[in-house]
Amino acid sequence: MLLFSANLTMLFTELPLRERFRAAKEAGFRFVEVQFPYDVPAEELASLLRENSLNLVLFNLPAGDWAGGDRGIAADPDRVEEFRAGVAEAARYAGVVRVPFVNCLAGRINPAFSDDEHRRTLLANLAFAADTMLPLKVCVSVENVNRLDVPDFYLHRTDLVFEMIDEVNRSNVRMQYDIYHAQRSEGELVGTLRKRLDYIGHIQIADNPGRGRPGSGEIHFPFVFKELEKLGYQGCIGLEYLPGPDTVASLAWIKAFGYSLS
């Protein structure tokens, strides 16, 4: 049985964030994720989850000035202190809401530094985040982001993420495998899942082109889902897609593909 989580940053955006929790419950979800929860106090976030019988499965570490173009700061040698302050804030939230994964975005290349300096910074920051989260029983995930959407993103291929996981050598570091980004950057979706599922802690999905709902583009999601079932994937699949004007209507693919939220 596959488990689907509603990404409340992408879905139900016709509602304020606090109201999206009830909307997710009413749509049938048991699991949710949020890119950045920090505008809602941690204790209030925990209350929203309890009131709506929802489990939060993932949120991102603070990722810099998102509105200003940042897409994470973990690989930037100029922003180590800021990154570590963000880890502390995320750890405080994780301790309150009991989330199993926090996601670390490497961010854009800083042209003032070499590739090696970026790599060493990212490794040190990943190790720091993992060591901070370990007593909370939280895994740190890390993902690649395609360079068609973000041309200067540092970790832009899945093999780079796998190398980082091997090198950082922490038991609580896993990959967040975003199928949309993987399709945009390299394809080979099922082949990667077959070879590397033991590295993958969380999966996110959207179709390509357009980052729409499954079934709106070129990715053969029924085949991908059946393979995940065969492989015994136990994590959640986060719905991180652009649903159009009606999120609930956009969920029709779940039943059409033979799945349910219960």
Protein backbone atom coordinates (compact mmCIF):
# COMPACT_ATOMS: atom_id res chain seq x y z
CA MET A 1 0.00 0.00 0.00
CA LEU A 2 1.38 3.39 -0.98
CA LEU A 3 1.04 6.34 1.40
CA PHE A 4 0.46 9.81 -0.01
CA SER A 5 1.14 13.08 1.81
CA ALA A 6 -0.32 16.45 0.86
CA ASN A 7 2.30 19.14 0.42
CA LEU A 8 0.44 22.06 1.99
CA THR A 9 2.73 24.62 0.39
CA MET A 10 1.60 23.48 -3.06
CA LEU A 11 -1.92 22.14 -2.50
CA PHE A 12 -5.02 23.95 -1.20
CA THR A 13 -3.35 27.31 -1.86
CA GLU A 14 -6.75 28.93 -2.27
CA LEU A 15 -6.78 28.84 1.55
CA PRO A 16 -4.49 30.40 4.18
CA LEU A 17 -1.91 27.91 5.44
CA ARG A 18 -3.63 27.28 8.76
CA GLU A 19 -6.86 26.31 6.99
CA ARG A 20 -5.12 23.86 4.66
CA PHE A 21 -4.75 21.30 7.46
CA ARG A 22 -8.53 20.90 7.77
CA ALA A 23 -8.86 20.86 3.98
CA ALA A 24 -6.31 18.03 3.78
CA LYS A 25 -8.19 16.06 6.42
CA GLU A 26 -11.52 16.57 4.64
CA ALA A 27 -9.94 15.39 1.38
CA GLY A 28 -8.94 12.15 3.13
CA PHE A 29 -5.24 12.71 3.82
CA ARG A 30 -3.58 11.29 6.94
CA PHE A 31 -0.11 12.66 6.11
CA VAL A 32 1.03 16.17 5.23
CA GLU A 33 4.26 18.04 4.59
CA VAL A 34 5.10 21.74 4.46
CA GLN A 35 8.07 23.33 2.75
CA PHE A 36 8.59 26.00 5.41
CA PRO A 37 6.44 25.90 8.56
CA TYR A 38 8.16 28.73 10.40
CA ASP A 39 5.43 31.35 10.02
CA VAL A 40 3.25 29.20 12.28
CA PRO A 41 4.54 28.81 15.87
CA ALA A 42 5.62 25.23 16.56
CA GLU A 43 3.07 24.70 19.34
CA GLU A 44 0.25 25.95 17.11
CA LEU A 45 1.45 23.72 14.30
CA ALA A 46 1.33 20.73 16.64
CA SER A 47 -2.23 21.69 17.64
CA LEU A 48 -3.34 21.94 14.01
CA LEU A 49 -1.97 18.48 13.37
CA ARG A 50 -3.68 16.99 16.43
CA GLU A 51 -7.01 18.68 15.75
CA ASN A 52 -7.07 17.27 12.24
CA SER A 53 -5.60 13.83 13.00
CA LEU A 54 -2.68 14.47 10.67
CA ASN A 55 0.95 13.37 10.75
CA LEU A 56 3.60 15.80 9.54
CA VAL A 57 6.18 13.79 7.60
CA LEU A 58 8.61 16.44 6.34
CA PHE A 59 9.56 20.09 6.26
CA ASN A 60 12.62 21.94 4.94
CA LEU A 61 15.42 23.47 6.92
CA PRO A 62 15.37 27.28 6.64
CA ALA A 63 16.64 28.02 3.15
CA GLY A 64 17.58 31.70 3.11
CA ASP A 65 15.57 34.42 1.38
CA TRP A 66 13.21 32.32 -0.75
CA ALA A 67 11.31 35.31 -2.13
CA GLY A 68 14.64 36.89 -3.00
CA GLY A 69 15.77 33.88 -5.02
CA ASP A 70 17.55 31.66 -2.50
CA ARG A 71 16.92 27.94 -2.92
CA GLY A 72 18.82 26.78 0.14
CA ILE A 73 22.15 27.79 1.64
CA ALA A 74 23.77 24.53 2.79
CA ALA A 75 26.56 24.57 0.18
CA ASP A 76 27.41 28.29 0.45
CA PRO A 77 30.71 28.85 2.29
CA ASP A 78 29.63 32.42 3.10
CA ARG A 79 26.53 31.34 5.05
CA VAL A 80 27.58 28.59 7.43
CA GLU A 81 26.59 30.50 10.56
CA GLU A 82 23.16 31.26 9.08
CA PHE A 83 22.71 27.62 8.10
CA ARG A 84 23.54 26.36 11.58
CA ALA A 85 21.13 28.83 13.17
CA GLY A 86 18.49 27.46 10.83
CA VAL A 87 19.26 23.91 11.92
CA ALA A 88 18.70 24.95 15.53
CA GLU A 89 15.32 26.46 14.62
CA ALA A 90 14.32 23.35 12.66
CA ALA A 91 15.37 21.12 15.57
CA ARG A 92 13.13 23.12 17.89
CA TYR A 93 10.18 22.59 15.55
CA ALA A 94 11.02 18.91 15.06
CA GLY A 95 11.05 18.38 18.80
CA VAL A 96 7.55 19.81 19.10
CA VAL A 97 5.83 18.27 16.07
CA ARG A 98 7.74 14.96 15.96
CA VAL A 99 8.52 15.01 12.25
CA PRO A 100 10.57 12.08 10.85
CA PHE A 101 12.35 14.07 8.08
CA VAL A 102 13.77 17.54 7.63
CA ASN A 103 14.96 18.33 4.14
CA CYS A 104 18.23 20.14 3.41
CA LEU A 105 18.46 22.21 0.22
CA ALA A 106 22.01 22.71 -1.01
CA GLY A 107 21.17 25.94 -2.81
CA ARG A 108 22.69 27.88 -5.66
CA ILE A 109 26.38 28.10 -6.52
CA ASN A 110 28.16 31.10 -5.04
CA PRO A 111 30.53 32.21 -7.85
CA ALA A 112 33.05 33.53 -5.33
CA PHE A 113 33.98 29.97 -4.31
CA SER A 114 35.31 26.83 -5.98
CA ASP A 115 33.45 23.58 -6.43
CA ASP A 116 35.63 21.98 -3.78
CA GLU A 117 34.78 24.73 -1.29
CA HIS A 118 31.07 24.19 -1.96
CA ARG A 119 31.47 20.45 -1.53
CA ARG A 120 33.37 20.67 1.75
CA THR A 121 30.87 23.20 3.11
CA LEU A 122 27.89 21.04 2.19
CA LEU A 123 29.44 17.93 3.72
CA ALA A 124 30.23 19.73 6.96
CA ASN A 125 26.77 21.25 7.13
CA LEU A 126 25.05 17.94 6.42
CA ALA A 127 27.08 16.28 9.16
CA PHE A 128 26.18 19.09 11.55
CA ALA A 129 22.48 18.85 10.73
CA ALA A 130 22.47 15.06 11.01
CA ASP A 131 24.27 15.09 14.36
CA THR A 132 21.87 17.75 15.66
CA MET A 133 18.80 15.78 14.57
CA LEU A 134 19.96 12.33 15.67
CA PRO A 135 18.92 12.68 19.35
CA LEU A 136 15.45 13.69 18.11
CA LYS A 137 15.28 10.55 15.92
CA VAL A 138 14.94 12.74 12.83
CA CYS A 139 16.48 11.97 9.44
CA VAL A 140 17.99 14.69 7.27
CA SER A 141 17.07 14.31 3.62
CA VAL A 142 18.87 15.94 0.73
CA GLU A 143 17.68 16.31 -2.85
CA ASN A 144 18.79 17.28 -6.32
CA VAL A 145 17.06 20.15 -8.13
CA ASN A 146 17.15 20.32 -11.91
CA ARG A 147 19.08 23.11 -13.63
CA LEU A 148 16.35 23.83 -16.15
CA ASP A 149 14.30 25.34 -13.35
CA VAL A 150 17.20 26.55 -11.19
CA PRO A 151 20.22 26.91 -13.52
CA ASP A 152 22.87 27.25 -10.82
CA PHE A 153 21.64 24.78 -8.23
CA TYR A 154 24.63 22.98 -6.74
CA LEU A 155 23.26 19.42 -6.41
CA HIS A 156 21.66 19.00 -9.82
CA ARG A 157 21.96 15.23 -10.40
CA THR A 158 20.97 12.24 -8.31
CA ASP A 159 24.45 10.70 -8.48
CA LEU A 160 25.84 13.79 -6.72
CA VAL A 161 23.34 13.28 -3.89
CA PHE A 162 24.26 9.62 -3.53
CA GLU A 163 27.95 10.56 -3.38
CA MET A 164 27.21 13.11 -0.64
CA ILE A 165 25.29 10.53 1.39
CA ASP A 166 28.15 8.07 1.12
CA GLU A 167 30.75 10.65 2.04
CA VAL A 168 28.92 12.24 4.97
CA ASN A 169 28.51 8.74 6.43
CA ARG A 170 25.68 9.41 8.88
CA SER A 171 23.00 6.82 9.58
CA ASN A 172 20.25 9.45 9.51
CA VAL A 173 20.97 11.04 6.13
CA ARG A 174 18.80 9.92 3.22
CA MET A 175 17.78 11.16 -0.20
CA GLN A 176 14.55 12.96 -0.92
CA TYR A 177 13.87 11.65 -4.41
CA ASP A 178 11.82 14.24 -6.27
CA ILE A 179 10.53 12.52 -9.39
CA TYR A 180 9.77 15.80 -11.15
CA HIS A 181 13.33 17.09 -10.71
CA ALA A 182 14.81 13.71 -11.63
CA GLN A 183 12.78 13.53 -14.83
CA ARG A 184 13.84 17.04 -15.80
CA SER A 185 17.52 16.40 -15.13
CA GLU A 186 18.12 12.82 -16.23
CA GLY A 187 15.09 10.50 -16.41
CA GLU A 188 15.84 6.83 -15.61
CA LEU A 189 13.29 6.98 -12.79
CA VAL A 190 12.55 3.30 -12.24
CA GLY A 191 16.15 2.31 -12.86
CA THR A 192 17.25 4.69 -10.10
CA LEU A 193 14.60 3.36 -7.73
CA ARG A 194 15.68 -0.23 -8.37
CA LYS A 195 19.36 0.52 -7.78
CA ARG A 196 19.16 3.07 -4.98
CA LEU A 197 15.96 2.61 -2.99
CA ASP A 198 17.99 1.94 0.16
CA TYR A 199 19.26 5.55 -0.06
CA ILE A 200 15.78 7.05 -0.42
CA GLY A 201 13.79 8.11 2.62
CA HIS A 202 11.09 10.26 1.03
CA ILE A 203 9.66 10.70 -2.46
CA GLN A 204 7.93 13.70 -4.00
CA ILE A 205 6.00 13.76 -7.26
CA ALA A 206 4.77 16.05 -10.00
CA ASP A 207 4.40 15.43 -13.71
CA ASN A 208 6.50 16.94 -16.47
CA PRO A 209 6.22 19.34 -18.24
CA GLY A 210 4.51 21.93 -16.09
CA ARG A 211 4.85 20.36 -12.63
CA GLY A 212 1.18 19.40 -12.71
CA ARG A 213 -0.74 16.47 -11.23
CA PRO A 214 0.23 12.89 -12.14
CA GLY A 215 -1.34 12.01 -15.47
CA SER A 216 -1.03 15.52 -16.87
CA GLY A 217 2.33 14.94 -18.58
CA GLU A 218 4.85 12.43 -19.82
CA ILE A 219 5.67 10.39 -16.72
CA HIS A 220 4.00 6.96 -16.59
CA PHE A 221 3.10 7.11 -12.91
CA PRO A 222 1.12 3.84 -12.74
CA PHE A 223 4.30 2.02 -13.78
CA VAL A 224 6.41 3.95 -11.25
CA PHE A 225 3.92 3.26 -8.45
CA LYS A 226 3.70 -0.45 -9.22
CA GLU A 227 7.49 -0.64 -9.12
CA LEU A 228 7.56 1.10 -5.74
CA GLU A 229 5.09 -1.46 -4.44
CA LYS A 230 7.20 -4.33 -5.80
CA LEU A 231 10.31 -2.86 -4.20
CA GLY A 232 8.55 -2.52 -0.84
CA TYR A 233 8.88 1.24 -0.45
CA GLN A 234 7.62 2.13 3.04
CA GLY A 235 7.85 5.92 3.06
CA CYS A 236 5.40 8.60 2.01
CA ILE A 237 4.96 10.01 -1.48
CA GLY A 238 4.59 13.77 -1.22
CA LEU A 239 2.22 15.46 -3.67
CA GLU A 240 4.30 18.53 -4.51
CA TYR A 241 2.56 19.59 -7.69
CA LEU A 242 0.62 22.57 -9.05
CA PRO A 243 -3.01 21.45 -8.80
CA GLY A 244 -4.73 24.21 -10.76
CA PRO A 245 -7.68 26.12 -9.34
CA ASP A 246 -9.31 23.16 -7.57
CA THR A 247 -7.04 20.97 -5.45
CA VAL A 248 -9.74 18.43 -4.61
CA ALA A 249 -10.59 17.94 -8.30
CA SER A 250 -6.90 17.48 -9.04
CA LEU A 251 -6.81 14.44 -6.74
CA ALA A 252 -9.01 12.34 -9.04
CA TRP A 253 -5.91 10.61 -10.41
CA ILE A 254 -5.47 8.75 -7.11
CA LYS A 255 -8.65 6.72 -7.59
CA ALA A 256 -8.16 6.51 -11.36
CA PHE A 257 -4.75 4.87 -10.79
CA GLY A 258 -6.25 2.37 -8.34
CA TYR A 259 -5.14 3.94 -5.05
CA SER A 260 -6.78 5.64 -2.08
CA LEU A 261 -5.83 7.92 0.80
CA SER A 262 -7.25 5.62 3.49
